[in-house]
C-alpha atoms as a PDB file:
ATOM      1  CA  UNK A   1       0.000   0.000   0.000  1.00  0.00           C
ATOM      2  CA  UNK A   2       1.075   3.555  -0.824  1.00  0.00           C
ATOM      3  CA  UNK A   3      -1.508   6.025   0.466  1.00  0.00           C
ATOM      4  CA  UNK A   4      -0.120   9.546   0.692  1.00  0.00           C
ATOM      5  CA  UNK A   5      -3.108  11.400   2.122  1.00  0.00           C
ATOM      6  CA  UNK A   6      -2.294  15.034   2.962  1.00  0.00           C
ATOM      7  CA  UNK A   7      -5.593  16.507   1.877  1.00  0.00           C
ATOM      8  CA  UNK A   8      -7.589  19.155   3.757  1.00  0.00           C
ATOM      9  CA  UNK A   9      -4.655  20.871   5.411  1.00  0.00           C
ATOM     10  CA  UNK A  10      -3.039  24.280   5.042  1.00  0.00           C
ATOM     11  CA  UNK A  11       0.037  23.266   3.055  1.00  0.00           C
ATOM     12  CA  UNK A  12       1.423  25.937   0.756  1.00  0.00           C
ATOM     13  CA  UNK A  13       4.258  26.162  -1.728  1.00  0.00           C
ATOM     14  CA  UNK A  14       4.803  23.885  -4.706  1.00  0.00           C
ATOM     15  CA  UNK A  15       4.430  20.146  -5.149  1.00  0.00           C
ATOM     16  CA  UNK A  16       7.905  18.680  -4.624  1.00  0.00           C
ATOM     17  CA  UNK A  17       9.505  17.072  -7.674  1.00  0.00           C
ATOM     18  CA  UNK A  18      10.937  14.368  -5.432  1.00  0.00           C
ATOM     19  CA  UNK A  19       7.572  12.597  -5.476  1.00  0.00           C
ATOM     20  CA  UNK A  20       9.099  10.423  -8.161  1.00  0.00           C
ATOM     21  CA  UNK A  21      11.275   8.908  -5.413  1.00  0.00           C
ATOM     22  CA  UNK A  22       8.258   6.795  -4.382  1.00  0.00           C
ATOM     23  CA  UNK A  23       9.818   3.733  -5.977  1.00  0.00           C
ATOM     24  CA  UNK A  24       6.891   1.415  -5.369  1.00  0.00           C
ATOM     25  CA  UNK A  25       4.815   3.624  -7.666  1.00  0.00           C
ATOM     26  CA  UNK A  26       7.252   3.266 -10.539  1.00  0.00           C
ATOM     27  CA  UNK A  27       7.014  -0.456 -11.195  1.00  0.00           C
ATOM     28  CA  UNK A  28       3.443  -1.069 -12.301  1.00  0.00           C
ATOM     29  CA  UNK A  29       2.300  -4.556 -11.377  1.00  0.00           C
ATOM     30  CA  UNK A  30       5.791  -5.906 -10.798  1.00  0.00           C
ATOM     31  CA  UNK A  31       6.872  -7.838  -7.739  1.00  0.00           C
ATOM     32  CA  UNK A  32       8.409  -4.754  -6.131  1.00  0.00           C
ATOM     33  CA  UNK A  33       6.624  -4.172  -2.824  1.00  0.00           C
ATOM     34  CA  UNK A  34       7.033  -2.590   0.588  1.00  0.00           C
ATOM     35  CA  UNK A  35       6.168  -4.417   3.816  1.00  0.00           C
ATOM     36  CA  UNK A  36       4.399  -2.239   6.372  1.00  0.00           C
ATOM     37  CA  UNK A  37       3.495  -4.933   8.863  1.00  0.00           C
ATOM     38  CA  UNK A  38       0.264  -6.520   9.977  1.00  0.00           C
ATOM     39  CA  UNK A  39      -0.877  -3.520  11.987  1.00  0.00           C
ATOM     40  CA  UNK A  40      -2.177  -1.803   8.859  1.00  0.00           C
ATOM     41  CA  UNK A  41      -5.650  -3.238   8.440  1.00  0.00           C
ATOM     42  CA  UNK A  42      -7.873  -0.453   7.187  1.00  0.00           C
ATOM     43  CA  UNK A  43      -7.667   2.791   5.211  1.00  0.00           C
ATOM     44  CA  UNK A  44     -10.087   5.361   3.829  1.00  0.00           C
ATOM     45  CA  UNK A  45      -9.368   6.700   0.353  1.00  0.00           C
ATOM     46  CA  UNK A  46     -11.289   9.200  -1.760  1.00  0.00           C
ATOM     47  CA  UNK A  47     -11.302   7.526  -5.159  1.00  0.00           C
ATOM     48  CA  UNK A  48     -13.615   7.491  -8.178  1.00  0.00           C
ATOM     49  CA  UNK A  49     -15.490  10.433  -6.712  1.00  0.00           C
ATOM     50  CA  UNK A  50     -16.457   8.678  -3.509  1.00  0.00           C
ATOM     51  CA  UNK A  51     -15.087   7.619  -0.120  1.00  0.00           C
ATOM     52  CA  UNK A  52     -13.868   4.012  -0.235  1.00  0.00           C
ATOM     53  CA  UNK A  53     -12.867   1.753   2.649  1.00  0.00           C
ATOM     54  CA  UNK A  54     -10.072  -0.745   2.041  1.00  0.00           C
ATOM     55  CA  UNK A  55      -9.396  -3.815   4.189  1.00  0.00           C
ATOM     56  CA  UNK A  56      -8.118  -7.066   2.696  1.00  0.00           C
ATOM     57  CA  UNK A  57      -7.207  -5.355  -0.567  1.00  0.00           C
ATOM     58  CA  UNK A  58      -5.262  -2.601   1.164  1.00  0.00           C
ATOM     59  CA  UNK A  59      -2.016  -3.645  -0.506  1.00  0.00           C
ATOM     60  CA  UNK A  60      -3.552  -2.643  -3.844  1.00  0.00           C
ATOM     61  CA  UNK A  61      -4.117   0.976  -2.770  1.00  0.00           C
ATOM     62  CA  UNK A  62      -1.746   3.387  -4.536  1.00  0.00           C
ATOM     63  CA  UNK A  63      -3.026   6.884  -3.939  1.00  0.00           C
ATOM     64  CA  UNK A  64      -1.784  10.476  -3.655  1.00  0.00           C
ATOM     65  CA  UNK A  65      -4.240  13.009  -2.215  1.00  0.00           C
ATOM     66  CA  UNK A  66      -3.072  16.617  -1.836  1.00  0.00           C
ATOM     67  CA  UNK A  67      -6.512  18.162  -2.288  1.00  0.00           C
ATOM     68  CA  UNK A  68      -7.936  21.183  -0.451  1.00  0.00           C
ATOM     69  CA  UNK A  69      -4.653  22.891   0.395  1.00  0.00           C
ATOM     70  CA  UNK A  70      -2.973  26.094  -0.763  1.00  0.00           C
ATOM     71  CA  UNK A  71      -0.479  24.522  -3.137  1.00  0.00           C
ATOM     72  CA  UNK A  72       0.616  26.613  -6.095  1.00  0.00           C
ATOM     73  CA  UNK A  73       2.930  26.450  -9.075  1.00  0.00           C
ATOM     74  CA  UNK A  74       2.939  23.781 -11.753  1.00  0.00           C
ATOM     75  CA  UNK A  75       2.244  20.078 -11.456  1.00  0.00           C
ATOM     76  CA  UNK A  76       5.750  18.597 -11.780  1.00  0.00           C
ATOM     77  CA  UNK A  77       6.367  16.557 -14.920  1.00  0.00           C
ATOM     78  CA  UNK A  78       8.120  13.991 -12.689  1.00  0.00           C
ATOM     79  CA  UNK A  79       4.722  12.819 -11.437  1.00  0.00           C
ATOM     80  CA  UNK A  80       4.280  11.127 -14.828  1.00  0.00           C
ATOM     81  CA  UNK A  81       6.891   8.540 -13.836  1.00  0.00           C
ATOM     82  CA  UNK A  82       4.627   7.110 -11.115  1.00  0.00           C
ATOM     83  CA  UNK A  83       3.159   4.619 -13.569  1.00  0.00           C
ATOM     84  CA  UNK A  84       1.600   2.395 -10.862  1.00  0.00           C
ATOM     85  CA  UNK A  85      -0.452   5.239  -9.341  1.00  0.00           C
ATOM     86  CA  UNK A  86      -4.158   4.462  -9.047  1.00  0.00           C
ATOM     87  CA  UNK A  87      -5.558   7.727  -7.632  1.00  0.00           C
ATOM     88  CA  UNK A  88      -4.284  11.285  -7.997  1.00  0.00           C
ATOM     89  CA  UNK A  89      -6.295  14.065  -6.359  1.00  0.00           C
ATOM     90  CA  UNK A  90      -4.877  17.591  -6.579  1.00  0.00           C
ATOM     91  CA  UNK A  91      -8.196  19.412  -6.556  1.00  0.00           C
ATOM     92  CA  UNK A  92      -8.990  22.680  -4.744  1.00  0.00           C
ATOM     93  CA  UNK A  93      -5.547  24.234  -4.740  1.00  0.00           C
ATOM     94  CA  UNK A  94      -3.948  27.184  -6.536  1.00  0.00           C
ATOM     95  CA  UNK A  95      -2.041  25.139  -9.110  1.00  0.00           C
ATOM     96  CA  UNK A  96      -1.313  26.762 -12.458  1.00  0.00           C
ATOM     97  CA  UNK A  97       0.540  26.028 -15.668  1.00  0.00           C
ATOM     98  CA  UNK A  98      -0.043  23.106 -18.000  1.00  0.00           C
ATOM     99  CA  UNK A  99      -1.076  19.571 -17.175  1.00  0.00           C
ATOM    100  CA  UNK A 100       2.083  17.417 -17.567  1.00  0.00           C
ATOM    101  CA  UNK A 101       2.398  16.428 -21.224  1.00  0.00           C
ATOM    102  CA  UNK A 102       3.376  12.824 -20.411  1.00  0.00           C
ATOM    103  CA  UNK A 103       0.522  12.171 -17.985  1.00  0.00           C
ATOM    104  CA  UNK A 104      -0.682   9.467 -20.352  1.00  0.00           C
ATOM    105  CA  UNK A 105       2.097   7.241 -18.996  1.00  0.00           C
ATOM    106  CA  UNK A 106      -0.032   6.657 -15.868  1.00  0.00           C
ATOM    107  CA  UNK A 107      -1.714   3.664 -17.499  1.00  0.00           C
ATOM    108  CA  UNK A 108      -3.052   2.276 -14.169  1.00  0.00           C
ATOM    109  CA  UNK A 109      -4.603   5.560 -13.070  1.00  0.00           C
ATOM    110  CA  UNK A 110      -8.298   5.091 -12.256  1.00  0.00           C
ATOM    111  CA  UNK A 111      -9.074   8.466 -10.641  1.00  0.00           C
ATOM    112  CA  UNK A 112      -7.751  11.877 -11.678  1.00  0.00           C
ATOM    113  CA  UNK A 113      -9.137  15.017 -10.067  1.00  0.00           C
ATOM    114  CA  UNK A 114      -7.527  18.356 -10.981  1.00  0.00           C
ATOM    115  CA  UNK A 115     -10.647  20.472 -10.488  1.00  0.00           C
ATOM    116  CA  UNK A 116     -10.790  23.950  -8.937  1.00  0.00           C
ATOM    117  CA  UNK A 117      -7.290  25.095  -9.799  1.00  0.00           C
ATOM    118  CA  UNK A 118      -5.867  27.653 -12.231  1.00  0.00           C
ATOM    119  CA  UNK A 119      -4.499  25.234 -14.811  1.00  0.00           C
ATOM    120  CA  UNK A 120      -4.333  26.526 -18.369  1.00  0.00           C
ATOM    121  CA  UNK A 121      -3.294  25.415 -21.831  1.00  0.00           C
ATOM    122  CA  UNK A 122      -4.557  22.431 -23.775  1.00  0.00           C
ATOM    123  CA  UNK A 123      -5.430  19.013 -22.381  1.00  0.00           C
ATOM    124  CA  UNK A 124      -2.394  16.862 -23.310  1.00  0.00           C
ATOM    125  CA  UNK A 125      -2.675  14.639 -26.367  1.00  0.00           C
ATOM    126  CA  UNK A 126      -1.441  11.749 -24.232  1.00  0.00           C
ATOM    127  CA  UNK A 127      -4.740  11.733 -22.282  1.00  0.00           C
ATOM    128  CA  UNK A 128      -6.315   8.916 -24.351  1.00  0.00           C
ATOM    129  CA  UNK A 129      -3.521   6.619 -23.113  1.00  0.00           C
ATOM    130  CA  UNK A 130      -5.041   6.709 -19.604  1.00  0.00           C
ATOM    131  CA  UNK A 131      -6.778   3.440 -20.450  1.00  0.00           C
ATOM    132  CA  UNK A 132      -7.741   2.543 -16.842  1.00  0.00           C
ATOM    133  CA  UNK A 133      -9.396   5.889 -16.099  1.00  0.00           C
ATOM    134  CA  UNK A 134     -12.930   5.611 -14.704  1.00  0.00           C
ATOM    135  CA  UNK A 135     -13.287   8.950 -12.886  1.00  0.00           C
ATOM    136  CA  UNK A 136     -12.070  12.280 -14.268  1.00  0.00           C
ATOM    137  CA  UNK A 137     -12.644  15.853 -13.120  1.00  0.00           C
ATOM    138  CA  UNK A 138     -10.969  18.798 -14.850  1.00  0.00           C
ATOM    139  CA  UNK A 139     -13.695  21.317 -14.078  1.00  0.00           C
ATOM    140  CA  UNK A 140     -13.193  24.947 -13.044  1.00  0.00           C
ATOM    141  CA  UNK A 141      -9.794  25.691 -14.519  1.00  0.00           C
ATOM    142  CA  UNK A 142      -8.680  27.802 -17.485  1.00  0.00           C
ATOM    143  CA  UNK A 143      -8.055  24.986 -19.956  1.00  0.00           C
ATOM    144  CA  UNK A 144      -8.455  25.722 -23.658  1.00  0.00           C
ATOM    145  CA  UNK A 145      -8.709  24.020 -27.023  1.00  0.00           C
ATOM    146  CA  UNK A 146     -10.273  20.811 -28.249  1.00  0.00           C
ATOM    147  CA  UNK A 147     -11.086  18.042 -25.772  1.00  0.00           C
ATOM    148  CA  UNK A 148      -9.146  14.923 -26.854  1.00  0.00           C
ATOM    149  CA  UNK A 149     -10.998  11.711 -27.606  1.00  0.00           C
ATOM    150  CA  UNK A 150     -10.305   8.015 -27.994  1.00  0.00           C
ATOM    151  CA  UNK A 151      -9.955   4.899 -25.853  1.00  0.00           C
ATOM    152  CA  UNK A 152     -11.279   5.265 -22.313  1.00  0.00           C
ATOM    153  CA  UNK A 153     -12.162   8.941 -22.776  1.00  0.00           C
ATOM    154  CA  UNK A 154     -15.041   7.892 -25.022  1.00  0.00           C
ATOM    155  CA  UNK A 155     -16.847   6.507 -21.947  1.00  0.00           C
ATOM    156  CA  UNK A 156     -16.284   9.664 -19.868  1.00  0.00           C
ATOM    157  CA  UNK A 157     -18.871  11.737 -21.690  1.00  0.00           C
ATOM    158  CA  UNK A 158     -20.336  13.873 -18.901  1.00  0.00           C
ATOM    159  CA  UNK A 159     -20.054  17.580 -19.673  1.00  0.00           C
ATOM    160  CA  UNK A 160     -19.613  18.270 -15.926  1.00  0.00           C
ATOM    161  CA  UNK A 161     -16.083  16.837 -16.221  1.00  0.00           C
ATOM    162  CA  UNK A 162     -15.039  19.930 -18.191  1.00  0.00           C
ATOM    163  CA  UNK A 163     -17.429  22.662 -16.997  1.00  0.00           C
ATOM    164  CA  UNK A 164     -15.992  25.962 -15.838  1.00  0.00           C
ATOM    165  CA  UNK A 165     -13.372  26.004 -18.624  1.00  0.00           C
ATOM    166  CA  UNK A 166     -14.777  28.689 -20.945  1.00  0.00           C
ATOM    167  CA  UNK A 167     -12.205  28.082 -23.700  1.00  0.00           C
ATOM    168  CA  UNK A 168     -12.620  24.320 -24.006  1.00  0.00           C
ATOM    169  CA  UNK A 169     -14.587  23.020 -26.971  1.00  0.00           C
ATOM    170  CA  UNK A 170     -15.713  19.802 -28.591  1.00  0.00           C
ATOM    171  CA  UNK A 171     -17.561  16.695 -27.409  1.00  0.00           C
ATOM    172  CA  UNK A 172     -19.060  16.252 -24.808  1.00  0.00           C
ATOM    173  CA  UNK A 173     -19.532  20.037 -24.537  1.00  0.00           C
ATOM    174  CA  UNK A 174     -22.080  21.767 -26.740  1.00  0.00           C
ATOM    175  CA  UNK A 175     -19.450  24.377 -27.602  1.00  0.00           C
ATOM    176  CA  UNK A 176     -18.138  23.924 -31.161  1.00  0.00           C
ATOM    177  CA  UNK A 177     -14.446  24.226 -31.986  1.00  0.00           C
ATOM    178  CA  UNK A 178     -13.764  26.751 -34.800  1.00  0.00           C
ATOM    179  CA  UNK A 179     -13.229  24.075 -37.466  1.00  0.00           C
ATOM    180  CA  UNK A 180     -16.308  22.104 -36.430  1.00  0.00           C
ATOM    181  CA  UNK A 181     -18.590  25.126 -36.754  1.00  0.00           C
ATOM    182  CA  UNK A 182     -17.242  25.850 -40.218  1.00  0.00           C
ATOM    183  CA  UNK A 183     -17.739  22.227 -41.293  1.00  0.00           C
ATOM    184  CA  UNK A 184     -21.341  22.270 -40.062  1.00  0.00           C
ATOM    185  CA  UNK A 185     -22.046  25.460 -41.960  1.00  0.00           C
ATOM    186  CA  UNK A 186     -20.375  23.982 -45.033  1.00  0.00           C
ATOM    187  CA  UNK A 187     -22.512  20.865 -44.769  1.00  0.00           C
ATOM    188  CA  UNK A 188     -25.617  23.012 -44.389  1.00  0.00           C
ATOM    189  CA  UNK A 189     -24.623  25.142 -47.386  1.00  0.00           C
ATOM    190  CA  UNK A 190     -23.925  21.992 -49.380  1.00  0.00           C
ATOM    191  CA  UNK A 191     -27.330  20.595 -48.502  1.00  0.00           C
ATOM    192  CA  UNK A 192     -29.009  23.852 -49.472  1.00  0.00           C
ATOM    193  CA  UNK A 193     -27.051  23.917 -52.740  1.00  0.00           C
ATOM    194  CA  UNK A 194     -28.178  20.353 -53.405  1.00  0.00           C
ATOM    195  CA  UNK A 195     -31.818  21.312 -52.846  1.00  0.00           C
ATOM    196  CA  UNK A 196     -31.454  24.309 -55.150  1.00  0.00           C
ATOM    197  CA  UNK A 197     -29.905  22.108 -57.842  1.00  0.00           C
ATOM    198  CA  UNK A 198     -32.772  19.639 -57.535  1.00  0.00           C
ATOM    199  CA  UNK A 199     -35.289  22.439 -57.981  1.00  0.00           C
ATOM    200  CA  UNK A 200     -33.378  23.813 -60.984  1.00  0.00           C
ATOM    201  CA  UNK A 201     -33.250  20.453 -62.728  1.00  0.00           C
ATOM    202  CA  UNK A 202     -36.933  19.938 -61.955  1.00  0.00           C
ATOM    203  CA  UNK A 203     -37.743  23.230 -63.694  1.00  0.00           C
ATOM    204  CA  UNK A 204     -35.449  22.412 -66.619  1.00  0.00           C
ATOM    205  CA  UNK A 205     -37.131  19.012 -67.026  1.00  0.00           C
ATOM    206  CA  UNK A 206     -40.558  20.613 -67.024  1.00  0.00           C
ATOM    207  CA  UNK A 207     -39.515  23.162 -69.647  1.00  0.00           C
ATOM    208  CA  UNK A 208     -37.862  20.525 -71.837  1.00  0.00           C
ATOM    209  CA  UNK A 209     -40.925  18.298 -71.496  1.00  0.00           C
ATOM    210  CA  UNK A 210     -43.154  21.175 -72.553  1.00  0.00           C
ATOM    211  CA  UNK A 211     -40.960  22.016 -75.551  1.00  0.00           C
ATOM    212  CA  UNK A 212     -40.735  18.407 -76.715  1.00  0.00           C
ATOM    213  CA  UNK A 213     -44.482  17.915 -76.270  1.00  0.00           C
ATOM    214  CA  UNK A 214     -45.249  21.151 -78.083  1.00  0.00           C
ATOM    215  CA  UNK A 215     -43.052  20.370 -81.067  1.00  0.00           C
ATOM    216  CA  UNK A 216     -44.369  16.820 -81.163  1.00  0.00           C
ATOM    217  CA  UNK A 217     -47.912  18.079 -81.213  1.00  0.00           C
ATOM    218  CA  UNK A 218     -47.064  20.710 -83.858  1.00  0.00           C
ATOM    219  CA  UNK A 219     -45.322  18.141 -86.049  1.00  0.00           C
ATOM    220  CA  UNK A 220     -48.339  15.853 -85.771  1.00  0.00           C
ATOM    221  CA  UNK A 221     -50.759  18.622 -86.791  1.00  0.00           C
ATOM    222  CA  UNK A 222     -48.520  19.772 -89.657  1.00  0.00           C
ATOM    223  CA  UNK A 223     -47.964  16.194 -90.871  1.00  0.00           C
ATOM    224  CA  UNK A 224     -51.713  15.519 -90.786  1.00  0.00           C
ATOM    225  CA  UNK A 225     -52.452  18.604 -92.902  1.00  0.00           C
ATOM    226  CA  UNK A 226     -49.816  17.601 -95.473  1.00  0.00           C
ATOM    227  CA  UNK A 227     -51.364  14.151 -95.731  1.00  0.00           C
ATOM    228  CA  UNK A 228     -54.823  15.671 -96.268  1.00  0.00           C
ATOM    229  CA  UNK A 229     -53.520  17.918 -99.080  1.00  0.00           C
ATOM    230  CA  UNK A 230     -51.872  14.928-100.774  1.00  0.00           C
ATOM    231  CA  UNK A 231     -55.048  12.859-100.604  1.00  0.00           C
ATOM    232  CA  UNK A 232     -57.148  15.693-102.056  1.00  0.00           C
ATOM    233  CA  UNK A 233     -54.719  16.150-104.932  1.00  0.00           C
ATOM    234  CA  UNK A 234     -54.867  12.440-105.742  1.00  0.00           C
ATOM    235  CA  UNK A 235     -58.624  12.396-105.708  1.00  0.00           C
END
C-alpha cells in the first residue's frame, strides 16, 4: 500500500519534484513491494469520486491526495513517472501552468481530479492513453482548445467533467471548436445547394418536357395537314 493522504490541510508552496522517489509507484504490477506490517488493516481513500474503505485489498491501494490545500505552481512533470499510481487528487488548490504532457504514462490511473485550480493550456494529447481511467474531473480551470478523444475517454462523456473552462470546446460540450462550426455550416450550405440544384433540374425538365411535347404536337398537326392535301390532290 502507498496512500499519501495530505488533503484538507493548510500546506502551501509547490508540489515537490521528489515525489518520483516513491519507488513502489514506478514499477506497475511488478513484484516490487514494501512491507508495512500486519498492523495496517484499514484505510479510507477518496477515489472514483467517492469515499472508499479498504481492508483485505489494502495492498492494492496506490493513492496520492493533496486536495484542499494552498499549493501553487505547476504540477511537476516527474509525477508522470509514477506509472503504478491508481488515484491522484490535486483538486482545490492554486495550481497553475499546464497539465504534464506525459501524464498518459499513468496507465493504471483510475481516478484523476484536478478540479478547482488555475491550470491553463490544452489538455495533453497523451490523455487517451489513460486506459484505466474511470473517474475524471478537470472542471473549473482555465483549460483551452479541443477536448481529446479516444480509448477510455469515449466513456467519460459527462459535460460536468469539463465545466468551468470557458475556452474548451468539442464533445461532450455543446461548444463547437472553430473548425467544427465551419464544417457544419459547409454541410448546411452543401445541402441547401443540393436542394437548389434539384429544384433547378426539376424546372429544366418541365420546360424541356413542354418544348418536346409542343413540337411533337405541332409536327403531328402539320404532318396531318400535309397528308390531307396529298389525298385531295390524288382524288
